[in-house]
Amino acid sequence: MDKGIFVLEYDFSNSVGYWTVMASHALQRALNDEVRPHGITSRQCQVLGFLALDGPLSQSALAERMGIEPPTLVGILDRMERSGWIERRPCPDDRRKKLIWIMPAAEPVWAKIVSCAKEVRRRATDGLSPAELAMLKQLLHRVRRNLSPEAASQKSNGQKKVEEGVA
């Protein structure tokens, strides 16, 4: 047997994870390609997007939402703060924490991001009917809900009840 060749096998054609990761990467790549000519990075889009969605967040909460380590986020935030897009302010409930706030200088940047995102959305959904889009949204929501910590906890509690003969 040739020791230099080894094939890892997996049923990728039936992998929901593979499909969603590949679609997510394609969306991220397309958005990055749209915003790059405007001097905006996809990570900066994420920062402003999560702040627009959730309001001011601590650096650790923002890093968690973005799926990156807090030290990685620091450099992104430093550049955004120098550009006047965000500001770090002490948390009123915990002075050790800093909350990230969107500043007025980010408004034109956000408008460009939204415009680029809408173009990517248009391309990504080309040929899908309104019913298909609604179904896609519903199915992805269900997958996300199924994988949430709450769902895992409920499943674990249900399994314990079955084992105890309660269910």
C-alpha atoms as a PDB file:
ATOM      1  CA  MET A   1       0.000   0.000   0.000  1.00  0.00           C
ATOM      2  CA  ASP A   2       1.241   3.481  -0.889  1.00  0.00           C
ATOM      3  CA  LYS A   3       1.832   5.330   2.370  1.00  0.00           C
ATOM      4  CA  GLY A   4       1.542   8.721   0.648  1.00  0.00           C
ATOM      5  CA  ILE A   5      -2.112   8.316  -0.372  1.00  0.00           C
ATOM      6  CA  PHE A   6      -4.937   8.049   2.084  1.00  0.00           C
ATOM      7  CA  VAL A   7      -8.555   8.788   1.318  1.00  0.00           C
ATOM      8  CA  LEU A   8     -10.858  10.075   4.014  1.00  0.00           C
ATOM      9  CA  GLU A   9     -14.413   9.024   3.346  1.00  0.00           C
ATOM     10  CA  TYR A  10     -17.590  10.881   4.208  1.00  0.00           C
ATOM     11  CA  ASP A  11     -21.008  11.174   2.638  1.00  0.00           C
ATOM     12  CA  PHE A  12     -20.699  14.867   1.695  1.00  0.00           C
ATOM     13  CA  SER A  13     -23.638  14.717  -0.728  1.00  0.00           C
ATOM     14  CA  ASN A  14     -25.997  14.142   2.224  1.00  0.00           C
ATOM     15  CA  SER A  15     -24.272  16.472   4.695  1.00  0.00           C
ATOM     16  CA  VAL A  16     -26.428  19.414   5.795  1.00  0.00           C
ATOM     17  CA  GLY A  17     -23.314  20.865   7.410  1.00  0.00           C
ATOM     18  CA  TYR A  18     -21.386  20.717   4.148  1.00  0.00           C
ATOM     19  CA  TRP A  19     -24.223  22.360   2.189  1.00  0.00           C
ATOM     20  CA  THR A  20     -24.678  25.184   4.679  1.00  0.00           C
ATOM     21  CA  VAL A  21     -20.952  25.822   5.131  1.00  0.00           C
ATOM     22  CA  MET A  22     -20.372  25.959   1.388  1.00  0.00           C
ATOM     23  CA  ALA A  23     -23.365  28.290   0.904  1.00  0.00           C
ATOM     24  CA  SER A  24     -22.194  30.462   3.809  1.00  0.00           C
ATOM     25  CA  HIS A  25     -18.672  30.684   2.388  1.00  0.00           C
ATOM     26  CA  ALA A  26     -20.056  31.631  -1.028  1.00  0.00           C
ATOM     27  CA  LEU A  27     -22.188  34.377   0.563  1.00  0.00           C
ATOM     28  CA  GLN A  28     -19.251  35.698   2.599  1.00  0.00           C
ATOM     29  CA  ARG A  29     -16.948  35.655  -0.417  1.00  0.00           C
ATOM     30  CA  ALA A  30     -19.532  37.486  -2.564  1.00  0.00           C
ATOM     31  CA  LEU A  31     -20.125  40.130   0.121  1.00  0.00           C
ATOM     32  CA  ASN A  32     -16.406  40.613   0.618  1.00  0.00           C
ATOM     33  CA  ASP A  33     -15.983  41.070  -3.152  1.00  0.00           C
ATOM     34  CA  GLU A  34     -18.771  43.686  -3.141  1.00  0.00           C
ATOM     35  CA  VAL A  35     -17.511  45.743  -0.172  1.00  0.00           C
ATOM     36  CA  ARG A  36     -13.752  45.510  -0.800  1.00  0.00           C
ATOM     37  CA  PRO A  37     -13.709  48.243  -3.499  1.00  0.00           C
ATOM     38  CA  HIS A  38     -15.243  50.588  -0.903  1.00  0.00           C
ATOM     39  CA  GLY A  39     -12.458  49.971   1.632  1.00  0.00           C
ATOM     40  CA  ILE A  40     -14.656  47.811   3.856  1.00  0.00           C
ATOM     41  CA  THR A  41     -13.860  44.298   5.073  1.00  0.00           C
ATOM     42  CA  SER A  42     -16.316  41.502   5.717  1.00  0.00           C
ATOM     43  CA  ARG A  43     -15.308  41.506   9.393  1.00  0.00           C
ATOM     44  CA  GLN A  44     -16.167  45.202   9.643  1.00  0.00           C
ATOM     45  CA  CYS A  45     -19.529  44.355   8.058  1.00  0.00           C
ATOM     46  CA  GLN A  46     -20.059  41.739  10.745  1.00  0.00           C
ATOM     47  CA  VAL A  47     -19.175  44.142  13.555  1.00  0.00           C
ATOM     48  CA  LEU A  48     -21.581  46.804  12.315  1.00  0.00           C
ATOM     49  CA  GLY A  49     -24.218  44.186  11.499  1.00  0.00           C
ATOM     50  CA  PHE A  50     -24.238  42.664  14.974  1.00  0.00           C
ATOM     51  CA  LEU A  51     -24.247  46.099  16.584  1.00  0.00           C
ATOM     52  CA  ALA A  52     -27.144  47.176  14.328  1.00  0.00           C
ATOM     53  CA  LEU A  53     -29.029  43.988  15.228  1.00  0.00           C
ATOM     54  CA  ASP A  54     -28.290  43.750  18.953  1.00  0.00           C
ATOM     55  CA  GLY A  55     -27.261  47.246  20.025  1.00  0.00           C
ATOM     56  CA  PRO A  56     -24.088  47.919  22.035  1.00  0.00           C
ATOM     57  CA  LEU A  57     -22.209  44.732  22.899  1.00  0.00           C
ATOM     58  CA  SER A  58     -19.182  43.879  24.975  1.00  0.00           C
ATOM     59  CA  GLN A  59     -16.081  42.864  23.054  1.00  0.00           C
ATOM     60  CA  SER A  60     -16.399  39.286  24.292  1.00  0.00           C
ATOM     61  CA  ALA A  61     -20.081  39.028  23.279  1.00  0.00           C
ATOM     62  CA  LEU A  62     -19.291  40.482  19.870  1.00  0.00           C
ATOM     63  CA  ALA A  63     -16.365  38.079  19.358  1.00  0.00           C
ATOM     64  CA  GLU A  64     -18.614  35.151  20.296  1.00  0.00           C
ATOM     65  CA  ARG A  65     -21.291  36.195  17.791  1.00  0.00           C
ATOM     66  CA  MET A  66     -18.654  36.577  15.080  1.00  0.00           C
ATOM     67  CA  GLY A  67     -17.092  33.202  15.888  1.00  0.00           C
ATOM     68  CA  ILE A  68     -13.623  34.643  16.458  1.00  0.00           C
ATOM     69  CA  GLU A  69     -11.291  34.951  19.424  1.00  0.00           C
ATOM     70  CA  PRO A  70     -11.437  38.245  21.373  1.00  0.00           C
ATOM     71  CA  PRO A  71      -7.773  39.117  20.603  1.00  0.00           C
ATOM     72  CA  THR A  72      -8.539  38.825  16.871  1.00  0.00           C
ATOM     73  CA  LEU A  73     -11.429  41.249  17.278  1.00  0.00           C
ATOM     74  CA  VAL A  74      -9.257  43.869  19.008  1.00  0.00           C
ATOM     75  CA  GLY A  75      -7.355  44.735  15.824  1.00  0.00           C
ATOM     76  CA  ILE A  76     -10.592  45.051  13.837  1.00  0.00           C
ATOM     77  CA  LEU A  77     -12.107  47.312  16.492  1.00  0.00           C
ATOM     78  CA  ASP A  78      -8.925  49.401  16.729  1.00  0.00           C
ATOM     79  CA  ARG A  79      -9.096  50.188  12.998  1.00  0.00           C
ATOM     80  CA  MET A  80     -12.829  50.909  13.160  1.00  0.00           C
ATOM     81  CA  GLU A  81     -12.338  53.180  16.171  1.00  0.00           C
ATOM     82  CA  ARG A  82      -9.536  55.108  14.410  1.00  0.00           C
ATOM     83  CA  SER A  83     -11.950  55.595  11.478  1.00  0.00           C
ATOM     84  CA  GLY A  84     -14.579  56.935  13.905  1.00  0.00           C
ATOM     85  CA  TRP A  85     -17.076  54.155  13.100  1.00  0.00           C
ATOM     86  CA  ILE A  86     -17.281  52.768  16.632  1.00  0.00           C
ATOM     87  CA  GLU A  87     -16.437  53.804  20.158  1.00  0.00           C
ATOM     88  CA  ARG A  88     -15.553  51.722  23.195  1.00  0.00           C
ATOM     89  CA  ARG A  89     -17.295  52.917  26.351  1.00  0.00           C
ATOM     90  CA  PRO A  90     -17.236  51.584  29.901  1.00  0.00           C
ATOM     91  CA  CYS A  91     -20.144  49.281  30.727  1.00  0.00           C
ATOM     92  CA  PRO A  92     -22.356  50.958  33.363  1.00  0.00           C
ATOM     93  CA  ASP A  93     -22.963  47.600  35.093  1.00  0.00           C
ATOM     94  CA  ASP A  94     -19.369  46.325  35.007  1.00  0.00           C
ATOM     95  CA  ARG A  95     -16.591  48.894  34.642  1.00  0.00           C
ATOM     96  CA  ARG A  96     -14.146  46.137  33.671  1.00  0.00           C
ATOM     97  CA  LYS A  97     -16.087  45.632  30.430  1.00  0.00           C
ATOM     98  CA  LYS A  98     -16.120  47.914  27.423  1.00  0.00           C
ATOM     99  CA  LEU A  99     -19.241  48.202  25.281  1.00  0.00           C
ATOM    100  CA  ILE A 100     -18.915  48.830  21.577  1.00  0.00           C
ATOM    101  CA  TRP A 101     -21.137  51.622  20.268  1.00  0.00           C
ATOM    102  CA  ILE A 102     -21.807  52.639  16.654  1.00  0.00           C
ATOM    103  CA  MET A 103     -20.887  56.247  15.898  1.00  0.00           C
ATOM    104  CA  PRO A 104     -22.507  58.612  13.351  1.00  0.00           C
ATOM    105  CA  ALA A 105     -19.461  58.313  11.051  1.00  0.00           C
ATOM    106  CA  ALA A 106     -20.481  54.678  10.424  1.00  0.00           C
ATOM    107  CA  GLU A 107     -23.811  55.653   8.822  1.00  0.00           C
ATOM    108  CA  PRO A 108     -22.493  56.127   5.249  1.00  0.00           C
ATOM    109  CA  VAL A 109     -20.402  52.964   5.634  1.00  0.00           C
ATOM    110  CA  TRP A 110     -23.466  51.045   6.815  1.00  0.00           C
ATOM    111  CA  ALA A 111     -25.496  52.397   3.878  1.00  0.00           C
ATOM    112  CA  LYS A 112     -22.846  51.048   1.481  1.00  0.00           C
ATOM    113  CA  ILE A 113     -22.775  47.687   3.294  1.00  0.00           C
ATOM    114  CA  VAL A 114     -26.569  47.416   3.077  1.00  0.00           C
ATOM    115  CA  SER A 115     -26.492  48.243  -0.623  1.00  0.00           C
ATOM    116  CA  CYS A 116     -23.796  45.618  -1.257  1.00  0.00           C
ATOM    117  CA  ALA A 117     -25.615  43.040   0.883  1.00  0.00           C
ATOM    118  CA  LYS A 118     -28.834  43.594  -1.052  1.00  0.00           C
ATOM    119  CA  GLU A 119     -26.969  42.997  -4.313  1.00  0.00           C
ATOM    120  CA  VAL A 120     -25.479  39.761  -2.950  1.00  0.00           C
ATOM    121  CA  ARG A 121     -28.938  38.725  -1.715  1.00  0.00           C
ATOM    122  CA  ARG A 122     -30.394  39.410  -5.158  1.00  0.00           C
ATOM    123  CA  ARG A 123     -27.721  37.249  -6.824  1.00  0.00           C
ATOM    124  CA  ALA A 124     -27.975  34.493  -4.206  1.00  0.00           C
ATOM    125  CA  THR A 125     -31.751  34.192  -4.526  1.00  0.00           C
ATOM    126  CA  ASP A 126     -31.950  34.543  -8.306  1.00  0.00           C
ATOM    127  CA  GLY A 127     -34.549  32.124  -9.647  1.00  0.00           C
ATOM    128  CA  LEU A 128     -36.073  31.303  -6.257  1.00  0.00           C
ATOM    129  CA  SER A 129     -39.782  31.926  -5.890  1.00  0.00           C
ATOM    130  CA  PRO A 130     -41.181  33.783  -2.871  1.00  0.00           C
ATOM    131  CA  ALA A 131     -42.508  30.427  -1.588  1.00  0.00           C
ATOM    132  CA  GLU A 132     -39.060  28.831  -1.971  1.00  0.00           C
ATOM    133  CA  LEU A 133     -37.435  31.748  -0.155  1.00  0.00           C
ATOM    134  CA  ALA A 134     -39.942  31.454   2.687  1.00  0.00           C
ATOM    135  CA  MET A 135     -39.298  27.705   2.885  1.00  0.00           C
ATOM    136  CA  LEU A 136     -35.527  28.195   2.843  1.00  0.00           C
ATOM    137  CA  LYS A 137     -35.776  30.700   5.685  1.00  0.00           C
ATOM    138  CA  GLN A 138     -38.066  28.390   7.660  1.00  0.00           C
ATOM    139  CA  LEU A 139     -35.821  25.345   7.158  1.00  0.00           C
ATOM    140  CA  LEU A 140     -32.627  27.168   8.084  1.00  0.00           C
ATOM    141  CA  HIS A 141     -34.353  28.563  11.163  1.00  0.00           C
ATOM    142  CA  ARG A 142     -35.364  25.038  12.158  1.00  0.00           C
ATOM    143  CA  VAL A 143     -31.828  23.691  11.656  1.00  0.00           C
ATOM    144  CA  ARG A 144     -30.475  26.520  13.798  1.00  0.00           C
ATOM    145  CA  ARG A 145     -33.115  25.930  16.485  1.00  0.00           C
ATOM    146  CA  ASN A 146     -32.405  22.175  16.475  1.00  0.00           C
ATOM    147  CA  LEU A 147     -28.733  22.867  17.120  1.00  0.00           C
ATOM    148  CA  SER A 148     -29.247  25.508  19.801  1.00  0.00           C
ATOM    149  CA  PRO A 149     -28.012  24.862  23.346  1.00  0.00           C
ATOM    150  CA  GLU A 150     -31.651  24.989  24.491  1.00  0.00           C
ATOM    151  CA  ALA A 151     -32.622  22.170  22.114  1.00  0.00           C
ATOM    152  CA  ALA A 152     -29.679  20.075  23.281  1.00  0.00           C
ATOM    153  CA  SER A 153     -30.686  20.683  26.890  1.00  0.00           C
ATOM    154  CA  GLN A 154     -34.309  19.751  26.201  1.00  0.00           C
ATOM    155  CA  LYS A 155     -33.247  16.603  24.386  1.00  0.00           C
ATOM    156  CA  SER A 156     -30.919  15.690  27.236  1.00  0.00           C
ATOM    157  CA  ASN A 157     -33.673  16.287  29.810  1.00  0.00           C
ATOM    158  CA  GLY A 158     -36.137  14.256  27.710  1.00  0.00           C
ATOM    159  CA  GLN A 159     -33.645  11.392  27.488  1.00  0.00           C
ATOM    160  CA  LYS A 160     -33.169  11.466  31.275  1.00  0.00           C
ATOM    161  CA  LYS A 161     -36.939  11.289  31.784  1.00  0.00           C
ATOM    162  CA  VAL A 162     -37.188   8.318  29.417  1.00  0.00           C
ATOM    163  CA  GLU A 163     -34.350   6.590  31.279  1.00  0.00           C
ATOM    164  CA  GLU A 164     -36.094   7.288  34.584  1.00  0.00           C
ATOM    165  CA  GLY A 165     -39.378   5.983  33.196  1.00  0.00           C
ATOM    166  CA  VAL A 166     -41.083   9.373  33.486  1.00  0.00           C
ATOM    167  CA  ALA A 167     -41.929   9.991  29.830  1.00  0.00           C
END
